[in-house]
């Protein structure tokens, strides 16, 4: 399994979405979605409807990445994926708790 890359779209250093995915940031098991105008994909809508976790919409600046434990990429073609690191921002994943939970949630519905 080779690492994959995702182009991240930003506006004035505020993170919006990936080219083929939406982004979910995780801190203390709380989900944060970028605040701004971007496409809310089908997979993101599914997760918002089905998770019991608290979801907060927030402006997420590139300099704030260090605050987050996990960064997840979600999209129809990828399902739920976990970012391991962002070398340009010196960010590394600190956990897999929410990835495991949301990955299981998503897969439990698509395999029915």
PDB file of N, CA and C in Angstrom:
ATOM      1  N   UNK A   1       0.843  -1.181   0.000  1.00  0.00           N
ATOM      2  CA  UNK A   1       0.000   0.000   0.000  1.00  0.00           C
ATOM      3  C   UNK A   1       0.884   1.239   0.000  1.00  0.00           C
ATOM      4  N   UNK A   2       1.020   1.894  -1.117  1.00  0.00           N
ATOM      5  CA  UNK A   2       1.872   3.081  -1.185  1.00  0.00           C
ATOM      6  C   UNK A   2       1.109   4.312  -0.733  1.00  0.00           C
ATOM      7  N   UNK A   3       1.822   5.283  -0.176  1.00  0.00           N
ATOM      8  CA  UNK A   3       1.152   6.496   0.276  1.00  0.00           C
ATOM      9  C   UNK A   3       0.558   7.247  -0.908  1.00  0.00           C
ATOM     10  N   UNK A   4      -0.572   7.886  -0.669  1.00  0.00           N
ATOM     11  CA  UNK A   4      -1.178   8.693  -1.726  1.00  0.00           C
ATOM     12  C   UNK A   4      -1.137  10.150  -1.316  1.00  0.00           C
ATOM     13  N   UNK A   5      -1.313  11.018  -2.283  1.00  0.00           N
ATOM     14  CA  UNK A   5      -1.265  12.454  -2.048  1.00  0.00           C
ATOM     15  C   UNK A   5      -2.622  13.068  -2.369  1.00  0.00           C
ATOM     16  N   UNK A   6      -2.889  14.185  -1.757  1.00  0.00           N
ATOM     17  CA  UNK A   6      -4.127  14.923  -2.014  1.00  0.00           C
ATOM     18  C   UNK A   6      -3.772  16.396  -2.095  1.00  0.00           C
ATOM     19  N   UNK A   7      -4.284  17.078  -3.094  1.00  0.00           N
ATOM     20  CA  UNK A   7      -4.118  18.520  -3.212  1.00  0.00           C
ATOM     21  C   UNK A   7      -5.176  19.166  -2.317  1.00  0.00           C
ATOM     22  N   UNK A   8      -4.739  20.060  -1.443  1.00  0.00           N
ATOM     23  CA  UNK A   8      -5.641  20.730  -0.505  1.00  0.00           C
ATOM     24  C   UNK A   8      -5.922  22.142  -1.002  1.00  0.00           C
ATOM     25  N   UNK A   9      -7.193  22.492  -1.089  1.00  0.00           N
ATOM     26  CA  UNK A   9      -7.602  23.820  -1.533  1.00  0.00           C
ATOM     27  C   UNK A   9      -7.759  24.733  -0.322  1.00  0.00           C
ATOM     28  N   UNK A  10      -7.215  25.946  -0.456  1.00  0.00           N
ATOM     29  CA  UNK A  10      -7.261  26.910   0.637  1.00  0.00           C
ATOM     30  C   UNK A  10      -7.681  28.269   0.102  1.00  0.00           C
ATOM     31  N   UNK A  11      -8.118  29.119   1.019  1.00  0.00           N
ATOM     32  CA  UNK A  11      -8.427  30.515   0.731  1.00  0.00           C
ATOM     33  C   UNK A  11      -7.760  31.340   1.820  1.00  0.00           C
ATOM     34  N   UNK A  12      -6.738  32.096   1.443  1.00  0.00           N
ATOM     35  CA  UNK A  12      -5.994  32.918   2.407  1.00  0.00           C
ATOM     36  C   UNK A  12      -5.452  32.079   3.559  1.00  0.00           C
ATOM     37  N   UNK A  13      -4.863  30.932   3.235  1.00  0.00           N
ATOM     38  CA  UNK A  13      -4.278  29.986   4.194  1.00  0.00           C
ATOM     39  C   UNK A  13      -5.307  29.308   5.099  1.00  0.00           C
ATOM     40  N   UNK A  14      -6.604  29.476   4.787  1.00  0.00           N
ATOM     41  CA  UNK A  14      -7.651  28.745   5.489  1.00  0.00           C
ATOM     42  C   UNK A  14      -8.002  27.507   4.662  1.00  0.00           C
ATOM     43  N   UNK A  15      -7.982  26.356   5.287  1.00  0.00           N
ATOM     44  CA  UNK A  15      -8.206  25.086   4.594  1.00  0.00           C
ATOM     45  C   UNK A  15      -9.691  24.903   4.293  1.00  0.00           C
ATOM     46  N   UNK A  16     -10.004  24.474   3.071  1.00  0.00           N
ATOM     47  CA  UNK A  16     -11.394  24.274   2.652  1.00  0.00           C
ATOM     48  C   UNK A  16     -11.709  22.802   2.391  1.00  0.00           C
ATOM     49  N   UNK A  17     -10.995  22.196   1.435  1.00  0.00           N
ATOM     50  CA  UNK A  17     -11.281  20.814   1.041  1.00  0.00           C
ATOM     51  C   UNK A  17     -10.128  20.288   0.207  1.00  0.00           C
ATOM     52  N   UNK A  18     -10.178  18.983  -0.058  1.00  0.00           N
ATOM     53  CA  UNK A  18      -9.225  18.393  -0.984  1.00  0.00           C
ATOM     54  C   UNK A  18      -9.816  18.411  -2.382  1.00  0.00           C
ATOM     55  N   UNK A  19      -8.990  18.144  -3.387  1.00  0.00           N
ATOM     56  CA  UNK A  19      -9.487  18.120  -4.770  1.00  0.00           C
ATOM     57  C   UNK A  19     -10.533  17.041  -4.983  1.00  0.00           C
ATOM     58  N   UNK A  20     -10.381  15.908  -4.301  1.00  0.00           N
ATOM     59  CA  UNK A  20     -11.326  14.801  -4.494  1.00  0.00           C
ATOM     60  C   UNK A  20     -11.982  14.376  -3.184  1.00  0.00           C
ATOM     61  N   UNK A  21     -11.756  15.140  -2.122  1.00  0.00           N
ATOM     62  CA  UNK A  21     -12.272  14.747  -0.812  1.00  0.00           C
ATOM     63  C   UNK A  21     -12.690  15.958   0.015  1.00  0.00           C
ATOM     64  N   UNK A  22     -13.507  15.690   1.008  1.00  0.00           N
ATOM     65  CA  UNK A  22     -13.750  16.658   2.073  1.00  0.00           C
ATOM     66  C   UNK A  22     -12.815  16.310   3.222  1.00  0.00           C
ATOM     67  N   UNK A  23     -12.563  17.274   4.086  1.00  0.00           N
ATOM     68  CA  UNK A  23     -11.619  17.080   5.179  1.00  0.00           C
ATOM     69  C   UNK A  23     -12.343  17.204   6.513  1.00  0.00           C
ATOM     70  N   UNK A  24     -12.061  16.280   7.408  1.00  0.00           N
ATOM     71  CA  UNK A  24     -12.558  16.335   8.782  1.00  0.00           C
ATOM     72  C   UNK A  24     -11.345  16.386   9.697  1.00  0.00           C
ATOM     73  N   UNK A  25     -11.309  17.370  10.564  1.00  0.00           N
ATOM     74  CA  UNK A  25     -10.244  17.501  11.550  1.00  0.00           C
ATOM     75  C   UNK A  25     -10.775  16.979  12.879  1.00  0.00           C
ATOM     76  N   UNK A  26      -9.915  16.366  13.676  1.00  0.00           N
ATOM     77  CA  UNK A  26     -10.336  15.751  14.934  1.00  0.00           C
ATOM     78  C   UNK A  26      -9.455  16.262  16.067  1.00  0.00           C
ATOM     79  N   UNK A  27     -10.117  16.689  17.136  1.00  0.00           N
ATOM     80  CA  UNK A  27      -9.418  17.082  18.363  1.00  0.00           C
ATOM     81  C   UNK A  27     -10.258  16.609  19.540  1.00  0.00           C
ATOM     82  N   UNK A  28      -9.665  15.815  20.413  1.00  0.00           N
ATOM     83  CA  UNK A  28     -10.376  15.291  21.592  1.00  0.00           C
ATOM     84  C   UNK A  28     -11.696  14.617  21.210  1.00  0.00           C
ATOM     85  N   UNK A  29     -11.670  13.820  20.149  1.00  0.00           N
ATOM     86  CA  UNK A  29     -12.821  13.058  19.648  1.00  0.00           C
ATOM     87  C   UNK A  29     -13.982  13.948  19.185  1.00  0.00           C
ATOM     88  N   UNK A  30     -13.728  15.212  18.951  1.00  0.00           N
ATOM     89  CA  UNK A  30     -14.718  16.132  18.397  1.00  0.00           C
ATOM     90  C   UNK A  30     -14.331  16.389  16.940  1.00  0.00           C
ATOM     91  N   UNK A  31     -15.328  16.439  16.056  1.00  0.00           N
ATOM     92  CA  UNK A  31     -15.088  16.615  14.628  1.00  0.00           C
ATOM     93  C   UNK A  31     -15.204  18.091  14.252  1.00  0.00           C
ATOM     94  N   UNK A  32     -14.255  18.565  13.493  1.00  0.00           N
ATOM     95  CA  UNK A  32     -14.251  19.948  13.022  1.00  0.00           C
ATOM     96  C   UNK A  32     -14.274  19.945  11.500  1.00  0.00           C
ATOM     97  N   UNK A  33     -15.195  20.714  10.952  1.00  0.00           N
ATOM     98  CA  UNK A  33     -15.281  20.888   9.504  1.00  0.00           C
ATOM     99  C   UNK A  33     -14.852  22.303   9.172  1.00  0.00           C
ATOM    100  N   UNK A  34     -14.115  22.461   8.081  1.00  0.00           N
ATOM    101  CA  UNK A  34     -13.738  23.816   7.685  1.00  0.00           C
ATOM    102  C   UNK A  34     -14.977  24.677   7.431  1.00  0.00           C
ATOM    103  N   UNK A  35     -14.925  25.889   7.911  1.00  0.00           N
ATOM    104  CA  UNK A  35     -16.011  26.837   7.669  1.00  0.00           C
ATOM    105  C   UNK A  35     -15.661  27.597   6.394  1.00  0.00           C
ATOM    106  N   UNK A  36     -16.588  27.653   5.467  1.00  0.00           N
ATOM    107  CA  UNK A  36     -16.333  28.330   4.207  1.00  0.00           C
ATOM    108  C   UNK A  36     -17.176  27.734   3.108  1.00  0.00           C
ATOM    109  N   UNK A  37     -17.003  28.266   1.933  1.00  0.00           N
ATOM    110  CA  UNK A  37     -17.776  27.798   0.780  1.00  0.00           C
ATOM    111  C   UNK A  37     -16.985  26.718   0.051  1.00  0.00           C
ATOM    112  N   UNK A  38     -17.524  25.520   0.095  1.00  0.00           N
ATOM    113  CA  UNK A  38     -16.941  24.407  -0.636  1.00  0.00           C
ATOM    114  C   UNK A  38     -18.024  23.358  -0.816  1.00  0.00           C
ATOM    115  N   UNK A  39     -17.728  22.335  -1.596  1.00  0.00           N
ATOM    116  CA  UNK A  39     -18.692  21.291  -1.909  1.00  0.00           C
ATOM    117  C   UNK A  39     -18.800  20.290  -0.761  1.00  0.00           C
ATOM    118  N   UNK A  40     -20.009  20.135  -0.212  1.00  0.00           N
ATOM    119  CA  UNK A  40     -20.259  19.131   0.816  1.00  0.00           C
ATOM    120  C   UNK A  40     -20.620  17.835   0.105  1.00  0.00           C
ATOM    121  N   UNK A  41     -19.654  16.953  -0.010  1.00  0.00           N
ATOM    122  CA  UNK A  41     -19.838  15.714  -0.747  1.00  0.00           C
ATOM    123  C   UNK A  41     -20.783  14.743  -0.068  1.00  0.00           C
ATOM    124  N   UNK A  42     -21.165  13.737  -0.819  1.00  0.00           N
ATOM    125  CA  UNK A  42     -22.104  12.718  -0.361  1.00  0.00           C
ATOM    126  C   UNK A  42     -21.583  11.977   0.864  1.00  0.00           C
ATOM    127  N   UNK A  43     -20.311  11.614   0.862  1.00  0.00           N
ATOM    128  CA  UNK A  43     -19.748  10.877   1.991  1.00  0.00           C
ATOM    129  C   UNK A  43     -19.725  11.737   3.245  1.00  0.00           C
ATOM    130  N   UNK A  44     -19.367  13.003   3.114  1.00  0.00           N
ATOM    131  CA  UNK A  44     -19.385  13.916   4.261  1.00  0.00           C
ATOM    132  C   UNK A  44     -20.800  14.075   4.799  1.00  0.00           C
ATOM    133  N   UNK A  45     -21.765  14.230   3.911  1.00  0.00           N
ATOM    134  CA  UNK A  45     -23.165  14.346   4.343  1.00  0.00           C
ATOM    135  C   UNK A  45     -23.600  13.090   5.101  1.00  0.00           C
ATOM    136  N   UNK A  46     -23.195  11.921   4.615  1.00  0.00           N
ATOM    137  CA  UNK A  46     -23.520  10.661   5.277  1.00  0.00           C
ATOM    138  C   UNK A  46     -22.951  10.639   6.693  1.00  0.00           C
ATOM    139  N   UNK A  47     -21.690  10.991   6.829  1.00  0.00           N
ATOM    140  CA  UNK A  47     -21.049  10.973   8.147  1.00  0.00           C
ATOM    141  C   UNK A  47     -21.714  11.958   9.091  1.00  0.00           C
ATOM    142  N   UNK A  48     -22.019  13.145   8.620  1.00  0.00           N
ATOM    143  CA  UNK A  48     -22.693  14.142   9.460  1.00  0.00           C
ATOM    144  C   UNK A  48     -24.033  13.599   9.954  1.00  0.00           C
ATOM    145  N   UNK A  49     -24.781  12.930   9.076  1.00  0.00           N
ATOM    146  CA  UNK A  49     -26.100  12.383   9.459  1.00  0.00           C
ATOM    147  C   UNK A  49     -26.000  11.224  10.443  1.00  0.00           C
ATOM    148  N   UNK A  50     -24.946  10.418  10.358  1.00  0.00           N
ATOM    149  CA  UNK A  50     -24.915   9.163  11.107  1.00  0.00           C
ATOM    150  C   UNK A  50     -23.991   9.131  12.325  1.00  0.00           C
ATOM    151  N   UNK A  51     -23.074  10.050  12.438  1.00  0.00           N
ATOM    152  CA  UNK A  51     -22.200  10.022  13.607  1.00  0.00           C
ATOM    153  C   UNK A  51     -22.907  10.623  14.817  1.00  0.00           C
ATOM    154  N   UNK A  52     -22.543  10.152  15.984  1.00  0.00           N
ATOM    155  CA  UNK A  52     -23.066  10.711  17.226  1.00  0.00           C
ATOM    156  C   UNK A  52     -22.085  11.725  17.818  1.00  0.00           C
ATOM    157  N   UNK A  53     -20.976  11.933  17.143  1.00  0.00           N
ATOM    158  CA  UNK A  53     -19.949  12.867  17.613  1.00  0.00           C
ATOM    159  C   UNK A  53     -20.368  14.309  17.382  1.00  0.00           C
ATOM    160  N   UNK A  54     -19.882  15.175  18.231  1.00  0.00           N
ATOM    161  CA  UNK A  54     -20.147  16.606  18.077  1.00  0.00           C
ATOM    162  C   UNK A  54     -19.369  17.123  16.869  1.00  0.00           C
ATOM    163  N   UNK A  55     -20.053  17.942  16.065  1.00  0.00           N
ATOM    164  CA  UNK A  55     -19.440  18.511  14.865  1.00  0.00           C
ATOM    165  C   UNK A  55     -19.441  20.027  14.996  1.00  0.00           C
ATOM    166  N   UNK A  56     -18.293  20.632  14.761  1.00  0.00           N
ATOM    167  CA  UNK A  56     -18.134  22.083  14.858  1.00  0.00           C
ATOM    168  C   UNK A  56     -17.608  22.590  13.523  1.00  0.00           C
ATOM    169  N   UNK A  57     -18.233  23.632  12.984  1.00  0.00           N
ATOM    170  CA  UNK A  57     -17.704  24.290  11.783  1.00  0.00           C
ATOM    171  C   UNK A  57     -16.823  25.436  12.252  1.00  0.00           C
ATOM    172  N   UNK A  58     -15.594  25.468  11.730  1.00  0.00           N
ATOM    173  CA  UNK A  58     -14.610  26.417  12.227  1.00  0.00           C
ATOM    174  C   UNK A  58     -13.654  26.793  11.101  1.00  0.00           C
ATOM    175  N   UNK A  59     -13.213  28.029  11.100  1.00  0.00           N
ATOM    176  CA  UNK A  59     -12.147  28.429  10.175  1.00  0.00           C
ATOM    177  C   UNK A  59     -10.870  27.736  10.646  1.00  0.00           C
ATOM    178  N   UNK A  60     -10.269  26.978   9.758  1.00  0.00           N
ATOM    179  CA  UNK A  60      -9.066  26.218  10.108  1.00  0.00           C
ATOM    180  C   UNK A  60      -7.913  26.730   9.257  1.00  0.00           C
ATOM    181  N   UNK A  61      -7.025  27.435   9.911  1.00  0.00           N
ATOM    182  CA  UNK A  61      -5.875  28.022   9.244  1.00  0.00           C
ATOM    183  C   UNK A  61      -4.735  27.009   9.209  1.00  0.00           C
ATOM    184  N   UNK A  62      -3.937  27.095   8.190  1.00  0.00           N
ATOM    185  CA  UNK A  62      -2.799  26.198   8.019  1.00  0.00           C
ATOM    186  C   UNK A  62      -1.914  26.164   9.267  1.00  0.00           C
ATOM    187  N   UNK A  63      -1.731  27.300   9.914  1.00  0.00           N
ATOM    188  CA  UNK A  63      -0.869  27.365  11.102  1.00  0.00           C
ATOM    189  C   UNK A  63      -1.469  26.648  12.311  1.00  0.00           C
ATOM    190  N   UNK A  64      -2.761  26.309  12.263  1.00  0.00           N
ATOM    191  CA  UNK A  64      -3.440  25.657  13.386  1.00  0.00           C
ATOM    192  C   UNK A  64      -3.451  24.132  13.306  1.00  0.00           C
ATOM    193  N   UNK A  65      -2.837  23.555  12.296  1.00  0.00           N
ATOM    194  CA  UNK A  65      -2.888  22.098  12.119  1.00  0.00           C
ATOM    195  C   UNK A  65      -2.360  21.337  13.326  1.00  0.00           C
ATOM    196  N   UNK A  66      -1.381  21.885  14.011  1.00  0.00           N
ATOM    197  CA  UNK A  66      -0.794  21.221  15.166  1.00  0.00           C
ATOM    198  C   UNK A  66      -1.769  20.984  16.311  1.00  0.00           C
ATOM    199  N   UNK A  67      -2.903  21.666  16.284  1.00  0.00           N
ATOM    200  CA  UNK A  67      -3.915  21.499  17.333  1.00  0.00           C
ATOM    201  C   UNK A  67      -4.696  20.203  17.191  1.00  0.00           C
ATOM    202  N   UNK A  68      -4.650  19.585  16.009  1.00  0.00           N
ATOM    203  CA  UNK A  68      -5.522  18.449  15.721  1.00  0.00           C
ATOM    204  C   UNK A  68      -4.810  17.113  15.890  1.00  0.00           C
ATOM    205  N   UNK A  69      -5.560  16.137  16.432  1.00  0.00           N
ATOM    206  CA  UNK A  69      -5.050  14.789  16.661  1.00  0.00           C
ATOM    207  C   UNK A  69      -5.061  13.947  15.386  1.00  0.00           C
ATOM    208  N   UNK A  70      -6.106  14.150  14.578  1.00  0.00           N
ATOM    209  CA  UNK A  70      -6.280  13.379  13.345  1.00  0.00           C
ATOM    210  C   UNK A  70      -6.810  14.302  12.253  1.00  0.00           C
ATOM    211  N   UNK A  71      -6.501  13.954  11.021  1.00  0.00           N
ATOM    212  CA  UNK A  71      -7.097  14.601   9.860  1.00  0.00           C
ATOM    213  C   UNK A  71      -7.579  13.478   8.954  1.00  0.00           C
ATOM    214  N   UNK A  72      -8.868  13.527   8.620  1.00  0.00           N
ATOM    215  CA  UNK A  72      -9.478  12.483   7.796  1.00  0.00           C
ATOM    216  C   UNK A  72      -9.910  13.058   6.461  1.00  0.00           C
ATOM    217  N   UNK A  73      -9.747  12.275   5.421  1.00  0.00           N
ATOM    218  CA  UNK A  73     -10.211  12.625   4.082  1.00  0.00           C
ATOM    219  C   UNK A  73     -11.385  11.713   3.769  1.00  0.00           C
ATOM    220  N   UNK A  74     -12.492  12.286   3.342  1.00  0.00           N
ATOM    221  CA  UNK A  74     -13.678  11.483   3.038  1.00  0.00           C
ATOM    222  C   UNK A  74     -14.186  11.830   1.646  1.00  0.00           C
ATOM    223  N   UNK A  75     -14.547  10.801   0.894  1.00  0.00           N
ATOM    224  CA  UNK A  75     -15.061  11.016  -0.444  1.00  0.00           C
ATOM    225  C   UNK A  75     -15.600   9.729  -1.031  1.00  0.00           C
ATOM    226  N   UNK A  76     -16.441   9.860  -2.019  1.00  0.00           N
ATOM    227  CA  UNK A  76     -17.087   8.692  -2.633  1.00  0.00           C
ATOM    228  C   UNK A  76     -16.082   7.696  -3.194  1.00  0.00           C
ATOM    229  N   UNK A  77     -15.025   8.176  -3.780  1.00  0.00           N
ATOM    230  CA  UNK A  77     -14.041   7.279  -4.377  1.00  0.00           C
ATOM    231  C   UNK A  77     -13.072   6.677  -3.385  1.00  0.00           C
ATOM    232  N   UNK A  78     -12.957   7.289  -2.190  1.00  0.00           N
ATOM    233  CA  UNK A  78     -11.968   6.844  -1.209  1.00  0.00           C
ATOM    234  C   UNK A  78     -12.583   6.324   0.074  1.00  0.00           C
ATOM    235  N   UNK A  79     -13.839   6.621   0.326  1.00  0.00           N
ATOM    236  CA  UNK A  79     -14.429   6.267   1.611  1.00  0.00           C
ATOM    237  C   UNK A  79     -13.875   7.177   2.683  1.00  0.00           C
ATOM    238  N   UNK A  80     -13.345   6.593   3.748  1.00  0.00           N
ATOM    239  CA  UNK A  80     -12.733   7.355   4.840  1.00  0.00           C
ATOM    240  C   UNK A  80     -11.263   6.960   4.899  1.00  0.00           C
ATOM    241  N   UNK A  81     -10.383   7.948   4.760  1.00  0.00           N
ATOM    242  CA  UNK A  81      -8.945   7.710   4.807  1.00  0.00           C
ATOM    243  C   UNK A  81      -8.330   8.596   5.881  1.00  0.00           C
ATOM    244  N   UNK A  82      -7.235   8.132   6.440  1.00  0.00           N
ATOM    245  CA  UNK A  82      -6.542   8.884   7.479  1.00  0.00           C
ATOM    246  C   UNK A  82      -5.258   9.475   6.929  1.00  0.00           C
ATOM    247  N   UNK A  83      -5.055  10.772   7.187  1.00  0.00           N
ATOM    248  CA  UNK A  83      -3.778  11.392   6.842  1.00  0.00           C
ATOM    249  C   UNK A  83      -2.767  10.958   7.895  1.00  0.00           C
ATOM    250  N   UNK A  84      -1.620  10.538   7.464  1.00  0.00           N
ATOM    251  CA  UNK A  84      -0.560  10.154   8.400  1.00  0.00           C
ATOM    252  C   UNK A  84       0.315  11.338   8.773  1.00  0.00           C
ATOM    253  N   UNK A  85       0.605  12.178   7.770  1.00  0.00           N
ATOM    254  CA  UNK A  85       1.420  13.366   8.045  1.00  0.00           C
ATOM    255  C   UNK A  85       1.257  14.380   6.936  1.00  0.00           C
ATOM    256  N   UNK A  86       1.631  15.600   7.266  1.00  0.00           N
ATOM    257  CA  UNK A  86       1.729  16.680   6.284  1.00  0.00           C
ATOM    258  C   UNK A  86       3.108  17.276   6.518  1.00  0.00           C
ATOM    259  N   UNK A  87       4.068  16.844   5.726  1.00  0.00           N
ATOM    260  CA  UNK A  87       5.459  17.223   5.978  1.00  0.00           C
ATOM    261  C   UNK A  87       5.679  18.736   5.873  1.00  0.00           C
ATOM    262  N   UNK A  88       4.968  19.392   4.939  1.00  0.00           N
ATOM    263  CA  UNK A  88       5.150  20.833   4.765  1.00  0.00           C
ATOM    264  C   UNK A  88       4.708  21.627   5.994  1.00  0.00           C
ATOM    265  N   UNK A  89       3.792  21.075   6.785  1.00  0.00           N
ATOM    266  CA  UNK A  89       3.285  21.756   7.976  1.00  0.00           C
ATOM    267  C   UNK A  89       3.815  21.113   9.257  1.00  0.00           C
ATOM    268  N   UNK A  90       4.723  20.141   9.106  1.00  0.00           N
ATOM    269  CA  UNK A  90       5.293  19.421  10.246  1.00  0.00           C
ATOM    270  C   UNK A  90       4.201  18.848  11.152  1.00  0.00           C
ATOM    271  N   UNK A  91       3.181  18.260  10.526  1.00  0.00           N
ATOM    272  CA  UNK A  91       2.072  17.655  11.276  1.00  0.00           C
ATOM    273  C   UNK A  91       2.123  16.144  11.110  1.00  0.00           C
ATOM    274  N   UNK A  92       1.910  15.427  12.222  1.00  0.00           N
ATOM    275  CA  UNK A  92       1.823  13.966  12.209  1.00  0.00           C
ATOM    276  C   UNK A  92       0.593  13.539  12.990  1.00  0.00           C
ATOM    277  N   UNK A  93      -0.059  12.491  12.538  1.00  0.00           N
ATOM    278  CA  UNK A  93      -1.236  11.963  13.220  1.00  0.00           C
ATOM    279  C   UNK A  93      -0.856  11.487  14.619  1.00  0.00           C
ATOM    280  N   UNK A  94      -1.704  11.824  15.591  1.00  0.00           N
ATOM    281  CA  UNK A  94      -1.462  11.438  16.980  1.00  0.00           C
ATOM    282  C   UNK A  94      -2.372  10.305  17.426  1.00  0.00           C
ATOM    283  N   UNK A  95      -3.337   9.920  16.578  1.00  0.00           N
ATOM    284  CA  UNK A  95      -4.336   8.941  16.990  1.00  0.00           C
ATOM    285  C   UNK A  95      -4.975   8.314  15.754  1.00  0.00           C
ATOM    286  N   UNK A  96      -5.706   7.221  15.979  1.00  0.00           N
ATOM    287  CA  UNK A  96      -6.521   6.613  14.924  1.00  0.00           C
ATOM    288  C   UNK A  96      -7.932   6.328  15.418  1.00  0.00           C
ATOM    289  N   UNK A  97      -8.284   6.857  16.558  1.00  0.00           N
ATOM    290  CA  UNK A  97      -9.566   6.551  17.194  1.00  0.00           C
ATOM    291  C   UNK A  97     -10.748   6.926  16.305  1.00  0.00           C
ATOM    292  N   UNK A  98     -10.792   8.161  15.848  1.00  0.00           N
ATOM    293  CA  UNK A  98     -11.934   8.596  15.029  1.00  0.00           C
ATOM    294  C   UNK A  98     -11.877   7.996  13.632  1.00  0.00           C
ATOM    295  N   UNK A  99     -10.681   7.796  13.104  1.00  0.00           N
ATOM    296  CA  UNK A  99     -10.576   7.121  11.818  1.00  0.00           C
ATOM    297  C   UNK A  99     -11.220   5.744  11.908  1.00  0.00           C
ATOM    298  N   UNK A 100     -10.832   4.971  12.922  1.00  0.00           N
ATOM    299  CA  UNK A 100     -11.383   3.624  13.074  1.00  0.00           C
ATOM    300  C   UNK A 100     -12.902   3.665  13.223  1.00  0.00           C
ATOM    301  N   UNK A 101     -13.403   4.600  14.009  1.00  0.00           N
ATOM    302  CA  UNK A 101     -14.849   4.701  14.238  1.00  0.00           C
ATOM    303  C   UNK A 101     -15.604   5.079  12.965  1.00  0.00           C
ATOM    304  N   UNK A 102     -15.151   6.123  12.273  1.00  0.00           N
ATOM    305  CA  UNK A 102     -15.862   6.591  11.075  1.00  0.00           C
ATOM    306  C   UNK A 102     -15.666   5.638   9.896  1.00  0.00           C
ATOM    307  N   UNK A 103     -14.507   5.030   9.803  1.00  0.00           N
ATOM    308  CA  UNK A 103     -14.263   4.034   8.763  1.00  0.00           C
ATOM    309  C   UNK A 103     -15.219   2.860   8.937  1.00  0.00           C
ATOM    310  N   UNK A 104     -15.360   2.392  10.161  1.00  0.00           N
ATOM    311  CA  UNK A 104     -16.294   1.298  10.453  1.00  0.00           C
ATOM    312  C   UNK A 104     -17.742   1.710  10.165  1.00  0.00           C
ATOM    313  N   UNK A 105     -18.119   2.914  10.583  1.00  0.00           N
ATOM    314  CA  UNK A 105     -19.475   3.429  10.336  1.00  0.00           C
ATOM    315  C   UNK A 105     -19.776   3.443   8.838  1.00  0.00           C
ATOM    316  N   UNK A 106     -18.877   4.011   8.065  1.00  0.00           N
ATOM    317  CA  UNK A 106     -19.067   4.119   6.618  1.00  0.00           C
ATOM    318  C   UNK A 106     -19.126   2.727   5.980  1.00  0.00           C
ATOM    319  N   UNK A 107     -18.191   1.861   6.312  1.00  0.00           N
ATOM    320  CA  UNK A 107     -18.155   0.522   5.711  1.00  0.00           C
ATOM    321  C   UNK A 107     -19.349  -0.323   6.108  1.00  0.00           C
ATOM    322  N   UNK A 108     -19.877  -0.127   7.306  1.00  0.00           N
ATOM    323  CA  UNK A 108     -21.038  -0.911   7.741  1.00  0.00           C
ATOM    324  C   UNK A 108     -22.272  -0.587   6.896  1.00  0.00           C
ATOM    325  N   UNK A 109     -22.356   0.615   6.352  1.00  0.00           N
ATOM    326  CA  UNK A 109     -23.489   0.988   5.509  1.00  0.00           C
ATOM    327  C   UNK A 109     -23.283   0.590   4.055  1.00  0.00           C
ATOM    328  N   UNK A 110     -22.065   0.704   3.543  1.00  0.00           N
ATOM    329  CA  UNK A 110     -21.880   0.393   2.114  1.00  0.00           C
ATOM    330  C   UNK A 110     -21.837  -1.091   1.842  1.00  0.00           C
ATOM    331  N   UNK A 111     -21.630  -1.911   2.868  1.00  0.00           N
ATOM    332  CA  UNK A 111     -21.594  -3.360   2.655  1.00  0.00           C
ATOM    333  C   UNK A 111     -22.945  -4.020   2.882  1.00  0.00           C
ATOM    334  N   UNK A 112     -23.960  -3.234   3.167  1.00  0.00           N
ATOM    335  CA  UNK A 112     -25.304  -3.806   3.378  1.00  0.00           C
ATOM    336  C   UNK A 112     -25.942  -4.190   2.080  1.00  0.00           C
TER     337      UNK A 112
END
